């Protein structure tokens, strides 16, 4: 989890997106990676994940909600 936090601090949006999309890792880590994409620096990558529908169903919904929250603030 510390590694995901470090990726967020370094604005490694591509790597965070890969983690969020990786079905081989723990769901909790995937959710943390997805939440870490909820920054102004990573909004385009988050939008791409939502548009590509490349996430598992439950994460896809969370990604849509996160993107909506970002757009409304």
C-alpha atoms as a PDB file:
ATOM      1  CA  UNK A   1       0.000   0.000   0.000  1.00  0.00           C
ATOM      2  CA  UNK A   2       2.912   2.336   0.646  1.00  0.00           C
ATOM      3  CA  UNK A   3       4.051   1.696  -2.909  1.00  0.00           C
ATOM      4  CA  UNK A   4       0.690   2.854  -4.263  1.00  0.00           C
ATOM      5  CA  UNK A   5       0.940   5.996  -2.159  1.00  0.00           C
ATOM      6  CA  UNK A   6       4.416   6.635  -3.591  1.00  0.00           C
ATOM      7  CA  UNK A   7       3.083   6.178  -7.126  1.00  0.00           C
ATOM      8  CA  UNK A   8       0.362   8.714  -6.382  1.00  0.00           C
ATOM      9  CA  UNK A   9       2.885  11.215  -5.041  1.00  0.00           C
ATOM     10  CA  UNK A  10       5.020  10.727  -8.149  1.00  0.00           C
ATOM     11  CA  UNK A  11       1.965  11.152 -10.441  1.00  0.00           C
ATOM     12  CA  UNK A  12       2.568   7.727 -11.983  1.00  0.00           C
ATOM     13  CA  UNK A  13      -0.913   7.626 -13.472  1.00  0.00           C
ATOM     14  CA  UNK A  14      -0.139   4.924 -16.039  1.00  0.00           C
ATOM     15  CA  UNK A  15       1.200   2.576 -13.376  1.00  0.00           C
ATOM     16  CA  UNK A  16      -1.748   3.249 -11.067  1.00  0.00           C
ATOM     17  CA  UNK A  17      -4.127   2.463 -13.932  1.00  0.00           C
ATOM     18  CA  UNK A  18      -2.297  -0.806 -14.637  1.00  0.00           C
ATOM     19  CA  UNK A  19      -2.629  -1.790 -10.988  1.00  0.00           C
ATOM     20  CA  UNK A  20      -6.325  -0.909 -10.898  1.00  0.00           C
ATOM     21  CA  UNK A  21      -6.892  -3.024 -14.027  1.00  0.00           C
ATOM     22  CA  UNK A  22      -4.833  -6.005 -12.849  1.00  0.00           C
ATOM     23  CA  UNK A  23      -7.149  -8.875 -11.931  1.00  0.00           C
ATOM     24  CA  UNK A  24      -4.233 -10.806 -10.437  1.00  0.00           C
ATOM     25  CA  UNK A  25      -3.774  -8.572  -7.390  1.00  0.00           C
ATOM     26  CA  UNK A  26      -5.862  -8.136  -4.254  1.00  0.00           C
ATOM     27  CA  UNK A  27      -9.093  -6.186  -4.695  1.00  0.00           C
ATOM     28  CA  UNK A  28      -8.199  -3.821  -1.856  1.00  0.00           C
ATOM     29  CA  UNK A  29      -4.980  -2.815  -3.627  1.00  0.00           C
ATOM     30  CA  UNK A  30      -6.841  -2.341  -6.900  1.00  0.00           C
ATOM     31  CA  UNK A  31      -9.351  -0.069  -5.156  1.00  0.00           C
ATOM     32  CA  UNK A  32      -6.567   1.963  -3.565  1.00  0.00           C
ATOM     33  CA  UNK A  33      -4.860   2.373  -6.940  1.00  0.00           C
ATOM     34  CA  UNK A  34      -8.166   3.492  -8.441  1.00  0.00           C
ATOM     35  CA  UNK A  35      -8.756   6.049  -5.665  1.00  0.00           C
ATOM     36  CA  UNK A  36      -5.223   7.327  -6.225  1.00  0.00           C
ATOM     37  CA  UNK A  37      -6.182   8.194  -9.792  1.00  0.00           C
ATOM     38  CA  UNK A  38      -8.647  10.735  -8.400  1.00  0.00           C
ATOM     39  CA  UNK A  39      -6.290  13.684  -8.774  1.00  0.00           C
ATOM     40  CA  UNK A  40      -6.121  16.518 -11.260  1.00  0.00           C
ATOM     41  CA  UNK A  41      -2.890  15.055 -12.654  1.00  0.00           C
ATOM     42  CA  UNK A  42      -4.476  11.646 -13.298  1.00  0.00           C
ATOM     43  CA  UNK A  43      -7.987  12.613 -14.358  1.00  0.00           C
ATOM     44  CA  UNK A  44      -7.316  11.864 -18.027  1.00  0.00           C
ATOM     45  CA  UNK A  45      -6.145   8.335 -17.158  1.00  0.00           C
ATOM     46  CA  UNK A  46      -9.197   7.816 -14.940  1.00  0.00           C
ATOM     47  CA  UNK A  47     -11.421   9.025 -17.786  1.00  0.00           C
ATOM     48  CA  UNK A  48      -9.703   6.578 -20.148  1.00  0.00           C
ATOM     49  CA  UNK A  49     -10.360   3.666 -17.777  1.00  0.00           C
ATOM     50  CA  UNK A  50     -14.025   4.640 -17.564  1.00  0.00           C
ATOM     51  CA  UNK A  51     -14.376   5.040 -21.337  1.00  0.00           C
ATOM     52  CA  UNK A  52     -12.472   1.829 -22.154  1.00  0.00           C
ATOM     53  CA  UNK A  53     -14.516  -0.140 -19.631  1.00  0.00           C
ATOM     54  CA  UNK A  54     -11.337  -2.064 -18.851  1.00  0.00           C
ATOM     55  CA  UNK A  55     -12.095  -2.441 -15.154  1.00  0.00           C
ATOM     56  CA  UNK A  56     -13.966  -5.145 -13.307  1.00  0.00           C
ATOM     57  CA  UNK A  57     -17.682  -4.246 -12.940  1.00  0.00           C
ATOM     58  CA  UNK A  58     -17.520  -3.075  -9.304  1.00  0.00           C
ATOM     59  CA  UNK A  59     -14.386  -1.006  -9.924  1.00  0.00           C
ATOM     60  CA  UNK A  60     -15.919   0.418 -13.098  1.00  0.00           C
ATOM     61  CA  UNK A  61     -18.785   1.845 -11.040  1.00  0.00           C
ATOM     62  CA  UNK A  62     -16.370   3.286  -8.495  1.00  0.00           C
ATOM     63  CA  UNK A  63     -14.319   4.833 -11.288  1.00  0.00           C
ATOM     64  CA  UNK A  64     -17.432   6.463 -12.779  1.00  0.00           C
ATOM     65  CA  UNK A  65     -18.425   7.838  -9.377  1.00  0.00           C
ATOM     66  CA  UNK A  66     -14.921   9.157  -8.717  1.00  0.00           C
ATOM     67  CA  UNK A  67     -14.823  10.854 -12.108  1.00  0.00           C
ATOM     68  CA  UNK A  68     -18.251  12.404 -11.501  1.00  0.00           C
ATOM     69  CA  UNK A  69     -17.110  13.715  -8.123  1.00  0.00           C
ATOM     70  CA  UNK A  70     -14.019  15.251  -9.694  1.00  0.00           C
ATOM     71  CA  UNK A  71     -16.000  16.901 -12.480  1.00  0.00           C
ATOM     72  CA  UNK A  72     -18.521  18.396 -10.084  1.00  0.00           C
ATOM     73  CA  UNK A  73     -15.938  19.992  -7.795  1.00  0.00           C
END
